C-alpha atoms as a PDB file:
ATOM      1  CA  MET A   1      16.227 -17.211  31.059  1.00  0.00           C
ATOM      2  CA  THR A   2      19.793 -15.958  31.029  1.00  0.00           C
ATOM      3  CA  ALA A   3      20.877 -12.375  31.706  1.00  0.00           C
ATOM      4  CA  ASN A   4      22.057 -12.054  28.116  1.00  0.00           C
ATOM      5  CA  VAL A   5      18.603 -12.872  26.771  1.00  0.00           C
ATOM      6  CA  ALA A   6      16.997 -10.470  29.269  1.00  0.00           C
ATOM      7  CA  MET A   7      19.209  -7.662  27.968  1.00  0.00           C
ATOM      8  CA  ARG A   8      18.412  -8.323  24.292  1.00  0.00           C
ATOM      9  CA  THR A   9      17.600  -5.179  22.304  1.00  0.00           C
ATOM     10  CA  VAL A  10      15.535  -5.631  19.155  1.00  0.00           C
ATOM     11  CA  ARG A  11      16.081  -2.848  16.616  1.00  0.00           C
ATOM     12  CA  ILE A  12      13.109  -1.804  14.471  1.00  0.00           C
ATOM     13  CA  GLY A  13      13.639   0.128  11.248  1.00  0.00           C
ATOM     14  CA  SER A  14      11.187   2.797  10.100  1.00  0.00           C
ATOM     15  CA  ARG A  15      10.867   5.679   7.687  1.00  0.00           C
ATOM     16  CA  LYS A  16      10.768   9.115   9.341  1.00  0.00           C
ATOM     17  CA  SER A  17       7.350  10.229   8.110  1.00  0.00           C
ATOM     18  CA  GLN A  18       4.654  10.909  10.684  1.00  0.00           C
ATOM     19  CA  LEU A  19       2.482   8.047   9.455  1.00  0.00           C
ATOM     20  CA  ALA A  20       5.390   5.597   9.331  1.00  0.00           C
ATOM     21  CA  LEU A  21       6.324   6.449  12.918  1.00  0.00           C
ATOM     22  CA  VAL A  22       2.754   6.102  14.184  1.00  0.00           C
ATOM     23  CA  GLN A  23       2.612   2.659  12.603  1.00  0.00           C
ATOM     24  CA  THR A  24       6.045   1.613  13.846  1.00  0.00           C
ATOM     25  CA  HIS A  25       5.434   2.828  17.390  1.00  0.00           C
ATOM     26  CA  TRP A  26       2.207   0.809  17.442  1.00  0.00           C
ATOM     27  CA  VAL A  27       4.194  -2.307  16.487  1.00  0.00           C
ATOM     28  CA  GLN A  28       6.828  -1.444  19.107  1.00  0.00           C
ATOM     29  CA  ALA A  29       4.210  -1.032  21.856  1.00  0.00           C
ATOM     30  CA  GLU A  30       2.346  -4.230  20.959  1.00  0.00           C
ATOM     31  CA  LEU A  31       5.517  -6.304  20.921  1.00  0.00           C
ATOM     32  CA  GLN A  32       6.769  -4.708  24.153  1.00  0.00           C
ATOM     33  CA  LYS A  33       3.557  -5.837  25.878  1.00  0.00           C
ATOM     34  CA  GLN A  34       3.989  -9.399  24.646  1.00  0.00           C
ATOM     35  CA  PHE A  35       7.753  -9.636  25.214  1.00  0.00           C
ATOM     36  CA  PRO A  36       8.474  -7.576  28.352  1.00  0.00           C
ATOM     37  CA  HIS A  37      11.901  -9.218  28.777  1.00  0.00           C
ATOM     38  CA  LEU A  38      13.085  -7.608  25.515  1.00  0.00           C
ATOM     39  CA  LYS A  39      13.809  -3.978  24.683  1.00  0.00           C
ATOM     40  CA  PHE A  40      12.405  -2.697  21.372  1.00  0.00           C
ATOM     41  CA  GLU A  41      14.233   0.289  19.916  1.00  0.00           C
ATOM     42  CA  VAL A  42      13.195   2.273  16.812  1.00  0.00           C
ATOM     43  CA  LYS A  43      15.792   3.483  14.306  1.00  0.00           C
ATOM     44  CA  THR A  44      14.589   5.880  11.613  1.00  0.00           C
ATOM     45  CA  MET A  45      15.892   6.798   8.180  1.00  0.00           C
ATOM     46  CA  GLU A  46      14.883   8.590   5.007  1.00  0.00           C
ATOM     47  CA  THR A  47      14.412   6.519   1.886  1.00  0.00           C
ATOM     48  CA  GLN A  48      14.928   7.688  -1.673  1.00  0.00           C
ATOM     49  CA  GLY A  49      11.174   7.979  -2.089  1.00  0.00           C
ATOM     50  CA  ASP A  50      11.034  10.353   0.890  1.00  0.00           C
ATOM     51  CA  LYS A  51      13.705  12.607  -0.576  1.00  0.00           C
ATOM     52  CA  ILE A  52      12.361  12.986  -4.132  1.00  0.00           C
ATOM     53  CA  LEU A  53       9.144  14.984  -3.787  1.00  0.00           C
ATOM     54  CA  ASN A  54       9.061  17.044  -6.974  1.00  0.00           C
ATOM     55  CA  VAL A  55       8.688  14.152  -9.428  1.00  0.00           C
ATOM     56  CA  SER A  56       5.805  11.749  -9.923  1.00  0.00           C
ATOM     57  CA  LEU A  57       6.485   8.330  -8.384  1.00  0.00           C
ATOM     58  CA  SER A  58       5.669   6.651 -11.679  1.00  0.00           C
ATOM     59  CA  LYS A  59       8.607   8.469 -13.284  1.00  0.00           C
ATOM     60  CA  ILE A  60      11.326   7.708 -10.751  1.00  0.00           C
ATOM     61  CA  GLY A  61      11.154   3.962 -10.220  1.00  0.00           C
ATOM     62  CA  ASP A  62       9.344   1.125  -8.541  1.00  0.00           C
ATOM     63  CA  LYS A  63       8.025   0.650  -5.016  1.00  0.00           C
ATOM     64  CA  GLY A  64      11.475  -0.245  -3.724  1.00  0.00           C
ATOM     65  CA  LEU A  65      12.024   3.506  -3.431  1.00  0.00           C
ATOM     66  CA  PHE A  66      10.482   3.330   0.052  1.00  0.00           C
ATOM     67  CA  THR A  67      12.211   0.159   1.234  1.00  0.00           C
ATOM     68  CA  GLN A  68      15.753  -0.168  -0.142  1.00  0.00           C
ATOM     69  CA  GLU A  69      17.588   1.707   2.616  1.00  0.00           C
ATOM     70  CA  LEU A  70      15.727  -0.236   5.308  1.00  0.00           C
ATOM     71  CA  GLU A  71      16.496  -3.502   3.540  1.00  0.00           C
ATOM     72  CA  SER A  72      20.206  -2.675   3.325  1.00  0.00           C
ATOM     73  CA  ASP A  73      20.281  -2.066   7.073  1.00  0.00           C
ATOM     74  CA  MET A  74      18.532  -5.374   7.712  1.00  0.00           C
ATOM     75  CA  LEU A  75      20.969  -7.296   5.553  1.00  0.00           C
ATOM     76  CA  ASP A  76      24.018  -5.791   7.269  1.00  0.00           C
ATOM     77  CA  GLY A  77      22.527  -6.327  10.741  1.00  0.00           C
ATOM     78  CA  THR A  78      22.015  -2.677  11.691  1.00  0.00           C
ATOM     79  CA  ILE A  79      18.314  -3.346  12.313  1.00  0.00           C
ATOM     80  CA  ASP A  80      16.465  -6.590  13.028  1.00  0.00           C
ATOM     81  CA  PHE A  81      13.254  -5.909  11.126  1.00  0.00           C
ATOM     82  CA  ALA A  82      11.406  -3.095   9.350  1.00  0.00           C
ATOM     83  CA  VAL A  83       7.798  -1.944   9.482  1.00  0.00           C
ATOM     84  CA  HIS A  84       6.246  -0.954   6.149  1.00  0.00           C
ATOM     85  CA  SER A  85       2.877   0.035   4.834  1.00  0.00           C
ATOM     86  CA  LEU A  86       2.365  -3.256   3.015  1.00  0.00           C
ATOM     87  CA  LYS A  87       1.311  -1.460  -0.175  1.00  0.00           C
ATOM     88  CA  ASP A  88       4.858  -0.024  -0.385  1.00  0.00           C
ATOM     89  CA  LEU A  89       6.583  -3.399  -0.103  1.00  0.00           C
ATOM     90  CA  PRO A  90       7.509  -4.975  -3.466  1.00  0.00           C
ATOM     91  CA  THR A  91       6.157  -8.463  -4.135  1.00  0.00           C
ATOM     92  CA  ARG A  92       9.688  -9.699  -4.851  1.00  0.00           C
ATOM     93  CA  LEU A  93      12.093  -9.102  -1.977  1.00  0.00           C
ATOM     94  CA  PRO A  94      15.911  -9.140  -1.957  1.00  0.00           C
ATOM     95  CA  GLU A  95      17.577 -12.473  -1.338  1.00  0.00           C
ATOM     96  CA  GLY A  96      17.861 -13.084   2.386  1.00  0.00           C
ATOM     97  CA  LEU A  97      14.730 -11.121   3.317  1.00  0.00           C
ATOM     98  CA  MET A  98      11.113 -12.185   3.752  1.00  0.00           C
ATOM     99  CA  LEU A  99       7.697 -10.875   4.708  1.00  0.00           C
ATOM    100  CA  GLY A 100       7.553 -12.141   8.282  1.00  0.00           C
ATOM    101  CA  CYS A 101       4.171 -10.820   9.402  1.00  0.00           C
ATOM    102  CA  VAL A 102       1.043  -9.041   8.166  1.00  0.00           C
ATOM    103  CA  THR A 103      -0.940  -7.138  10.809  1.00  0.00           C
ATOM    104  CA  GLU A 104      -4.701  -6.694  11.050  1.00  0.00           C
ATOM    105  CA  ARG A 105      -5.944  -4.449   8.285  1.00  0.00           C
ATOM    106  CA  GLU A 106      -7.512  -1.030   8.663  1.00  0.00           C
ATOM    107  CA  ASP A 107     -10.154  -0.159   6.047  1.00  0.00           C
ATOM    108  CA  PRO A 108      -8.216  -0.457   2.749  1.00  0.00           C
ATOM    109  CA  ALA A 109     -10.499   1.880   0.777  1.00  0.00           C
ATOM    110  CA  ASP A 110      -9.660   5.235  -0.787  1.00  0.00           C
ATOM    111  CA  ALA A 111     -11.090   8.449   0.659  1.00  0.00           C
ATOM    112  CA  LEU A 112     -12.325  11.622  -1.014  1.00  0.00           C
ATOM    113  CA  VAL A 113     -11.131  14.715   0.853  1.00  0.00           C
ATOM    114  CA  LEU A 114     -12.674  18.003  -0.240  1.00  0.00           C
ATOM    115  CA  ASN A 115     -11.708  21.648  -0.246  1.00  0.00           C
ATOM    116  CA  ALA A 116     -14.011  23.531   2.140  1.00  0.00           C
ATOM    117  CA  LYS A 117     -15.966  25.130  -0.731  1.00  0.00           C
ATOM    118  CA  HIS A 118     -17.267  21.701  -1.758  1.00  0.00           C
ATOM    119  CA  GLN A 119     -18.312  20.461   1.687  1.00  0.00           C
ATOM    120  CA  GLY A 120     -21.348  18.195   1.491  1.00  0.00           C
ATOM    121  CA  GLN A 121     -20.519  16.999  -2.022  1.00  0.00           C
ATOM    122  CA  GLN A 122     -19.563  13.499  -3.121  1.00  0.00           C
ATOM    123  CA  ILE A 123     -17.332  12.561  -6.003  1.00  0.00           C
ATOM    124  CA  ASP A 124     -20.195  12.197  -8.473  1.00  0.00           C
ATOM    125  CA  THR A 125     -21.670  15.611  -7.567  1.00  0.00           C
ATOM    126  CA  LEU A 126     -18.478  17.638  -8.003  1.00  0.00           C
ATOM    127  CA  PRO A 127     -18.582  20.103 -10.915  1.00  0.00           C
ATOM    128  CA  GLU A 128     -17.117  19.316 -14.315  1.00  0.00           C
ATOM    129  CA  ASN A 129     -13.433  20.208 -14.570  1.00  0.00           C
ATOM    130  CA  ALA A 130     -12.966  19.814 -10.814  1.00  0.00           C
ATOM    131  CA  VAL A 131      -9.240  19.525 -10.051  1.00  0.00           C
ATOM    132  CA  ILE A 132      -8.484  16.222  -8.325  1.00  0.00           C
ATOM    133  CA  GLY A 133      -5.081  15.578  -6.754  1.00  0.00           C
ATOM    134  CA  THR A 134      -3.543  12.122  -6.662  1.00  0.00           C
ATOM    135  CA  SER A 135      -0.053  10.688  -7.060  1.00  0.00           C
ATOM    136  CA  SER A 136      -1.332   7.164  -7.725  1.00  0.00           C
ATOM    137  CA  LEU A 137      -1.638   5.815 -11.274  1.00  0.00           C
ATOM    138  CA  ARG A 138      -4.125   3.260  -9.940  1.00  0.00           C
ATOM    139  CA  ARG A 139      -6.446   5.950  -8.605  1.00  0.00           C
ATOM    140  CA  LEU A 140      -5.867   8.171 -11.616  1.00  0.00           C
ATOM    141  CA  ALA A 141      -6.765   5.526 -14.196  1.00  0.00           C
ATOM    142  CA  GLN A 142      -9.920   4.422 -12.388  1.00  0.00           C
ATOM    143  CA  LEU A 143     -11.146   7.969 -11.792  1.00  0.00           C
ATOM    144  CA  ARG A 144     -10.434   8.928 -15.388  1.00  0.00           C
ATOM    145  CA  HIS A 145     -12.529   5.928 -16.417  1.00  0.00           C
ATOM    146  CA  HIS A 146     -15.517   6.995 -14.329  1.00  0.00           C
ATOM    147  CA  PHE A 147     -15.110  10.803 -14.436  1.00  0.00           C
ATOM    148  CA  PRO A 148     -13.458  11.796 -17.735  1.00  0.00           C
ATOM    149  CA  ASN A 149     -14.433  15.476 -17.281  1.00  0.00           C
ATOM    150  CA  PHE A 150     -12.339  15.990 -14.156  1.00  0.00           C
ATOM    151  CA  GLU A 151      -8.876  17.540 -14.313  1.00  0.00           C
ATOM    152  CA  PHE A 152      -6.190  15.543 -12.552  1.00  0.00           C
ATOM    153  CA  LYS A 153      -2.989  16.942 -11.045  1.00  0.00           C
ATOM    154  CA  ASP A 154      -0.141  15.089  -9.376  1.00  0.00           C
ATOM    155  CA  ILE A 155       0.369  15.693  -5.673  1.00  0.00           C
ATOM    156  CA  ARG A 156       3.354  14.559  -3.552  1.00  0.00           C
ATOM    157  CA  GLY A 157       4.484  15.046   0.015  1.00  0.00           C
ATOM    158  CA  ASN A 158       3.379  13.672   3.356  1.00  0.00           C
ATOM    159  CA  LEU A 159      -0.254  13.663   4.382  1.00  0.00           C
ATOM    160  CA  ASN A 160      -0.132  17.061   6.123  1.00  0.00           C
ATOM    161  CA  THR A 161       1.529  18.649   3.087  1.00  0.00           C
ATOM    162  CA  ARG A 162      -1.167  17.287   0.783  1.00  0.00           C
ATOM    163  CA  LEU A 163      -3.945  18.516   3.041  1.00  0.00           C
ATOM    164  CA  ARG A 164      -2.357  21.966   3.216  1.00  0.00           C
ATOM    165  CA  LYS A 165      -2.189  22.190  -0.595  1.00  0.00           C
ATOM    166  CA  LEU A 166      -5.850  21.180  -0.757  1.00  0.00           C
ATOM    167  CA  ASP A 167      -6.910  23.730   1.855  1.00  0.00           C
ATOM    168  CA  GLU A 168      -4.940  26.485   0.104  1.00  0.00           C
ATOM    169  CA  GLY A 169      -7.058  25.924  -3.006  1.00  0.00           C
ATOM    170  CA  ASP A 170      -4.612  24.139  -5.319  1.00  0.00           C
ATOM    171  CA  TYR A 171      -7.160  21.323  -5.686  1.00  0.00           C
ATOM    172  CA  ASP A 172     -10.919  20.886  -5.393  1.00  0.00           C
ATOM    173  CA  ALA A 173     -10.370  17.447  -3.861  1.00  0.00           C
ATOM    174  CA  ILE A 174      -7.640  14.924  -3.220  1.00  0.00           C
ATOM    175  CA  ILE A 175      -7.712  11.146  -2.861  1.00  0.00           C
ATOM    176  CA  LEU A 176      -6.015   9.578   0.158  1.00  0.00           C
ATOM    177  CA  ALA A 177      -6.069   6.229   1.943  1.00  0.00           C
ATOM    178  CA  VAL A 178      -8.714   5.857   4.628  1.00  0.00           C
ATOM    179  CA  ALA A 179      -6.205   3.888   6.720  1.00  0.00           C
ATOM    180  CA  GLY A 180      -3.636   6.683   6.855  1.00  0.00           C
ATOM    181  CA  LEU A 181      -6.181   9.307   7.845  1.00  0.00           C
ATOM    182  CA  ARG A 182      -7.575   7.103  10.600  1.00  0.00           C
ATOM    183  CA  ARG A 183      -4.156   6.179  11.975  1.00  0.00           C
ATOM    184  CA  LEU A 184      -3.271   9.863  12.187  1.00  0.00           C
ATOM    185  CA  GLU A 185      -6.620  10.586  13.883  1.00  0.00           C
ATOM    186  CA  MET A 186      -7.836  12.650  10.946  1.00  0.00           C
ATOM    187  CA  SER A 187     -11.027  10.730  10.209  1.00  0.00           C
ATOM    188  CA  ASP A 188     -12.925  14.037  10.271  1.00  0.00           C
ATOM    189  CA  ARG A 189     -11.254  14.912   6.945  1.00  0.00           C
ATOM    190  CA  ILE A 190     -12.907  11.976   5.158  1.00  0.00           C
ATOM    191  CA  ASP A 191     -15.809  13.333   3.075  1.00  0.00           C
ATOM    192  CA  GLN A 192     -16.546  10.051   1.281  1.00  0.00           C
ATOM    193  CA  ILE A 193     -15.178   6.527   1.368  1.00  0.00           C
ATOM    194  CA  LEU A 194     -15.024   5.569  -2.292  1.00  0.00           C
ATOM    195  CA  PRO A 195     -16.854   2.316  -3.059  1.00  0.00           C
ATOM    196  CA  PRO A 196     -15.008  -0.455  -4.913  1.00  0.00           C
ATOM    197  CA  GLU A 197     -17.247   0.171  -7.930  1.00  0.00           C
ATOM    198  CA  ILE A 198     -15.349   3.459  -8.351  1.00  0.00           C
ATOM    199  CA  SER A 199     -11.899   2.698  -6.956  1.00  0.00           C
ATOM    200  CA  LEU A 200     -10.415  -0.681  -6.150  1.00  0.00           C
ATOM    201  CA  HIS A 201      -7.666  -0.225  -3.589  1.00  0.00           C
ATOM    202  CA  ALA A 202      -3.933  -0.880  -3.805  1.00  0.00           C
ATOM    203  CA  VAL A 203      -2.493  -4.313  -3.090  1.00  0.00           C
ATOM    204  CA  GLY A 204      -1.919  -4.575   0.658  1.00  0.00           C
ATOM    205  CA  GLN A 205      -3.451  -1.170   1.410  1.00  0.00           C
ATOM    206  CA  GLY A 206      -4.440  -0.725   5.050  1.00  0.00           C
ATOM    207  CA  ALA A 207      -2.171  -3.504   6.374  1.00  0.00           C
ATOM    208  CA  LEU A 208       1.328  -3.307   7.818  1.00  0.00           C
ATOM    209  CA  GLY A 209       4.038  -5.647   6.564  1.00  0.00           C
ATOM    210  CA  ILE A 210       6.942  -6.568   8.825  1.00  0.00           C
ATOM    211  CA  GLU A 211      10.025  -7.527   6.813  1.00  0.00           C
ATOM    212  CA  CYS A 212      12.913  -9.452   8.383  1.00  0.00           C
ATOM    213  CA  ARG A 213      15.877 -11.651   7.542  1.00  0.00           C
ATOM    214  CA  SER A 214      14.714 -15.054   6.348  1.00  0.00           C
ATOM    215  CA  ASP A 215      17.343 -16.889   8.433  1.00  0.00           C
ATOM    216  CA  ASP A 216      16.574 -15.075  11.711  1.00  0.00           C
ATOM    217  CA  SER A 217      14.235 -17.547  13.395  1.00  0.00           C
ATOM    218  CA  GLU A 218      14.262 -15.643  16.699  1.00  0.00           C
ATOM    219  CA  ILE A 219      13.019 -12.391  15.159  1.00  0.00           C
ATOM    220  CA  LEU A 220      10.556 -14.243  12.959  1.00  0.00           C
ATOM    221  CA  SER A 221       9.004 -15.919  16.006  1.00  0.00           C
ATOM    222  CA  ILE A 222       8.711 -12.520  17.722  1.00  0.00           C
ATOM    223  CA  VAL A 223       7.028 -10.632  14.870  1.00  0.00           C
ATOM    224  CA  LYS A 224       4.643 -13.531  14.171  1.00  0.00           C
ATOM    225  CA  ALA A 225       2.904 -12.570  17.417  1.00  0.00           C
ATOM    226  CA  LEU A 226       1.236  -9.724  15.491  1.00  0.00           C
ATOM    227  CA  GLU A 227       0.115 -11.837  12.506  1.00  0.00           C
ATOM    228  CA  HIS A 228      -3.580 -11.507  11.612  1.00  0.00           C
ATOM    229  CA  LEU A 229      -4.370 -14.588   9.571  1.00  0.00           C
ATOM    230  CA  PRO A 230      -7.493 -13.318   7.717  1.00  0.00           C
ATOM    231  CA  THR A 231      -5.601 -10.189   6.614  1.00  0.00           C
ATOM    232  CA  ALA A 232      -2.519 -12.221   5.696  1.00  0.00           C
ATOM    233  CA  CYS A 233      -4.657 -14.515   3.552  1.00  0.00           C
ATOM    234  CA  ARG A 234      -6.323 -11.645   1.709  1.00  0.00           C
ATOM    235  CA  CYS A 235      -3.012  -9.883   1.129  1.00  0.00           C
ATOM    236  CA  GLN A 236      -1.351 -13.089  -0.054  1.00  0.00           C
ATOM    237  CA  ALA A 237      -3.937 -13.340  -2.839  1.00  0.00           C
ATOM    238  CA  GLU A 238      -3.537  -9.658  -3.714  1.00  0.00           C
ATOM    239  CA  ARG A 239       0.262  -9.812  -3.789  1.00  0.00           C
ATOM    240  CA  ALA A 240       0.201 -12.947  -5.960  1.00  0.00           C
ATOM    241  CA  PHE A 241      -2.089 -11.120  -8.406  1.00  0.00           C
ATOM    242  CA  LEU A 242       0.321  -8.187  -8.572  1.00  0.00           C
ATOM    243  CA  ARG A 243       3.439 -10.377  -8.740  1.00  0.00           C
ATOM    244  CA  GLU A 244       2.124 -12.226 -11.774  1.00  0.00           C
ATOM    245  CA  LEU A 245       1.198  -8.973 -13.544  1.00  0.00           C
ATOM    246  CA  GLU A 246       3.859  -6.397 -12.885  1.00  0.00           C
ATOM    247  CA  GLY A 247       6.891  -6.018 -15.095  1.00  0.00           C
ATOM    248  CA  GLY A 248       8.979  -3.643 -13.021  1.00  0.00           C
ATOM    249  CA  CYS A 249       7.116  -0.476 -13.971  1.00  0.00           C
ATOM    250  CA  GLN A 250       4.312   1.458 -12.318  1.00  0.00           C
ATOM    251  CA  VAL A 251       1.009  -0.030 -13.517  1.00  0.00           C
ATOM    252  CA  PRO A 252      -2.606   0.881 -12.637  1.00  0.00           C
ATOM    253  CA  ILE A 253      -3.590  -2.282 -10.768  1.00  0.00           C
ATOM    254  CA  GLY A 254      -6.363  -2.389  -8.164  1.00  0.00           C
ATOM    255  CA  VAL A 255      -7.820  -5.132  -5.996  1.00  0.00           C
ATOM    256  CA  ASN A 256     -10.529  -5.946  -3.494  1.00  0.00           C
ATOM    257  CA  THR A 257     -10.699  -9.048  -1.291  1.00  0.00           C
ATOM    258  CA  ILE A 258     -13.497 -10.419   0.850  1.00  0.00           C
ATOM    259  CA  LEU A 259     -13.161 -13.364   3.234  1.00  0.00           C
ATOM    260  CA  VAL A 260     -16.519 -14.703   4.429  1.00  0.00           C
ATOM    261  CA  ASP A 261     -17.420 -18.167   5.748  1.00  0.00           C
ATOM    262  CA  ASP A 262     -14.136 -19.703   4.619  1.00  0.00           C
ATOM    263  CA  GLN A 263     -14.628 -18.354   1.087  1.00  0.00           C
ATOM    264  CA  LEU A 264     -12.090 -15.910  -0.362  1.00  0.00           C
ATOM    265  CA  THR A 265     -13.208 -13.604  -3.180  1.00  0.00           C
ATOM    266  CA  LEU A 266     -10.570 -11.606  -5.054  1.00  0.00           C
ATOM    267  CA  THR A 267     -11.481  -8.891  -7.549  1.00  0.00           C
ATOM    268  CA  GLY A 268      -8.765  -7.303  -9.663  1.00  0.00           C
ATOM    269  CA  ILE A 269      -8.446  -4.658 -12.365  1.00  0.00           C
ATOM    270  CA  VAL A 270      -5.770  -3.577 -14.785  1.00  0.00           C
ATOM    271  CA  ALA A 271      -6.387  -0.218 -16.447  1.00  0.00           C
ATOM    272  CA  SER A 272      -4.773   1.796 -19.201  1.00  0.00           C
ATOM    273  CA  LEU A 273      -3.222   5.075 -18.069  1.00  0.00           C
ATOM    274  CA  ASP A 274      -5.937   7.106 -19.799  1.00  0.00           C
ATOM    275  CA  GLY A 275      -8.694   5.080 -18.152  1.00  0.00           C
ATOM    276  CA  GLN A 276     -10.213   4.138 -21.489  1.00  0.00           C
ATOM    277  CA  ARG A 277      -9.617   0.404 -21.048  1.00  0.00           C
ATOM    278  CA  LEU A 278     -10.247  -1.426 -17.829  1.00  0.00           C
ATOM    279  CA  ILE A 279      -9.919  -5.199 -17.479  1.00  0.00           C
ATOM    280  CA  LYS A 280     -11.845  -6.407 -14.415  1.00  0.00           C
ATOM    281  CA  ASP A 281     -12.515  -9.937 -13.163  1.00  0.00           C
ATOM    282  CA  ASN A 282     -12.955 -11.878  -9.930  1.00  0.00           C
ATOM    283  CA  ILE A 283     -12.299 -15.352  -8.581  1.00  0.00           C
ATOM    284  CA  GLN A 284     -13.417 -17.352  -5.545  1.00  0.00           C
ATOM    285  CA  GLY A 285     -11.874 -20.216  -3.617  1.00  0.00           C
ATOM    286  CA  ALA A 286     -10.617 -21.547  -0.312  1.00  0.00           C
ATOM    287  CA  PRO A 287      -8.313 -19.336   1.804  1.00  0.00           C
ATOM    288  CA  ALA A 288      -5.627 -22.027   1.643  1.00  0.00           C
ATOM    289  CA  GLU A 289      -5.487 -21.426  -2.105  1.00  0.00           C
ATOM    290  CA  ALA A 290      -4.952 -17.646  -1.766  1.00  0.00           C
ATOM    291  CA  GLU A 291      -1.703 -17.450  -3.715  1.00  0.00           C
ATOM    292  CA  ALA A 292      -2.957 -19.724  -6.500  1.00  0.00           C
ATOM    293  CA  LEU A 293      -6.160 -17.681  -6.756  1.00  0.00           C
ATOM    294  CA  GLY A 294      -4.192 -14.472  -7.227  1.00  0.00           C
ATOM    295  CA  THR A 295      -1.942 -16.003  -9.865  1.00  0.00           C
ATOM    296  CA  THR A 296      -4.854 -17.562 -11.747  1.00  0.00           C
ATOM    297  CA  LEU A 297      -6.825 -14.295 -11.781  1.00  0.00           C
ATOM    298  CA  ALA A 298      -3.794 -12.422 -13.104  1.00  0.00           C
ATOM    299  CA  LYS A 299      -3.325 -14.940 -15.921  1.00  0.00           C
ATOM    300  CA  ARG A 300      -7.002 -14.610 -16.832  1.00  0.00           C
ATOM    301  CA  ALA A 301      -6.680 -10.829 -16.868  1.00  0.00           C
ATOM    302  CA  LYS A 302      -3.654 -11.046 -19.157  1.00  0.00           C
ATOM    303  CA  ALA A 303      -5.567 -13.245 -21.588  1.00  0.00           C
ATOM    304  CA  ALA A 304      -8.507 -10.823 -21.521  1.00  0.00           C
ATOM    305  CA  GLY A 305      -6.395  -7.856 -22.614  1.00  0.00           C
ATOM    306  CA  ALA A 306      -4.324  -6.832 -19.608  1.00  0.00           C
ATOM    307  CA  GLN A 307      -1.129  -8.087 -21.245  1.00  0.00           C
ATOM    308  CA  GLY A 308      -1.547  -5.563 -24.048  1.00  0.00           C
ATOM    309  CA  ILE A 309      -2.003  -2.753 -21.532  1.00  0.00           C
ATOM    310  CA  LEU A 310       1.067  -3.883 -19.589  1.00  0.00           C
ATOM    311  CA  ASP A 311       3.164  -4.051 -22.743  1.00  0.00           C
ATOM    312  CA  GLU A 312       2.122  -0.526 -23.774  1.00  0.00           C
ATOM    313  CA  ILE A 313       2.966   0.911 -20.350  1.00  0.00           C
ATOM    314  CA  THR A 314       6.334  -0.877 -20.302  1.00  0.00           C
ATOM    315  CA  ALA A 315       7.180   0.412 -23.791  1.00  0.00           C
ATOM    316  CA  ALA A 316       6.173   3.970 -22.851  1.00  0.00           C
ATOM    317  CA  SER A 317       8.311   3.858 -19.702  1.00  0.00           C
ATOM    318  CA  ARG A 318      11.368   2.943 -21.785  1.00  0.00           C
ATOM    319  CA  ALA A 319      10.794   5.566 -24.453  1.00  0.00           C
END
């Protein structure tokens, strides 16, 4: 190995949020253990989605809000790769970039987190008109479907900000990702893990996606060391489902995947914003067919009524 290779510094891009840094530093540490002859350096930045905290995400654009600045720095060579929560990474990436690795998934479910006055309750025992905080249209639509008597309020900010607003009494409960709470060592705040019968999770939730330049074979070979094939397979099916459905606007789409004995099962839903209509279906097949399974399930959902829901949401977003 030459001295030049030994001195190679690999630059990792990350958002500045506490959760993003915990995730990125985990990737940095794991890669440093496997490639001790390299130096892994983290560069942080704020994305547009981090800066706009007073407007609902559904009103300010698509998921690229959390990735565009990182992608620009990858394309101009400022950083070598970026670590994302996979649920934030769009299914269609800019030319020249690719999803290079998917890490092992934490529990992808949603969590109910309660104000202290409701300790011991579960979501179906909360009082009528309970105020539930969520910034996700996916969670909102599904919860409206199952609990039409709750009041729902948007909530933005990092995880600590949301918990503070809950504890100050602005909400009776909020819905957060189990994965984020566990990674920040806040599992004690989880009052209930919502079952998939109530809330199917976001595409890619719980997994990390490492994005890199598609022509950088050296970096691609490095990040592949963290690939978890069962998670990658499940997320490939989920992302294909979303890719076939989404039309550039925020849409209530949820998924659940199970991989058992070389059999992949994908469940997907598309819901209207008011929760009144919910198209739900599932499909099974071989893991090697993950992408085709996701696409096929999405086409079936469209034929069953999801296309009408998508068209309504698209029209409303342009009004």
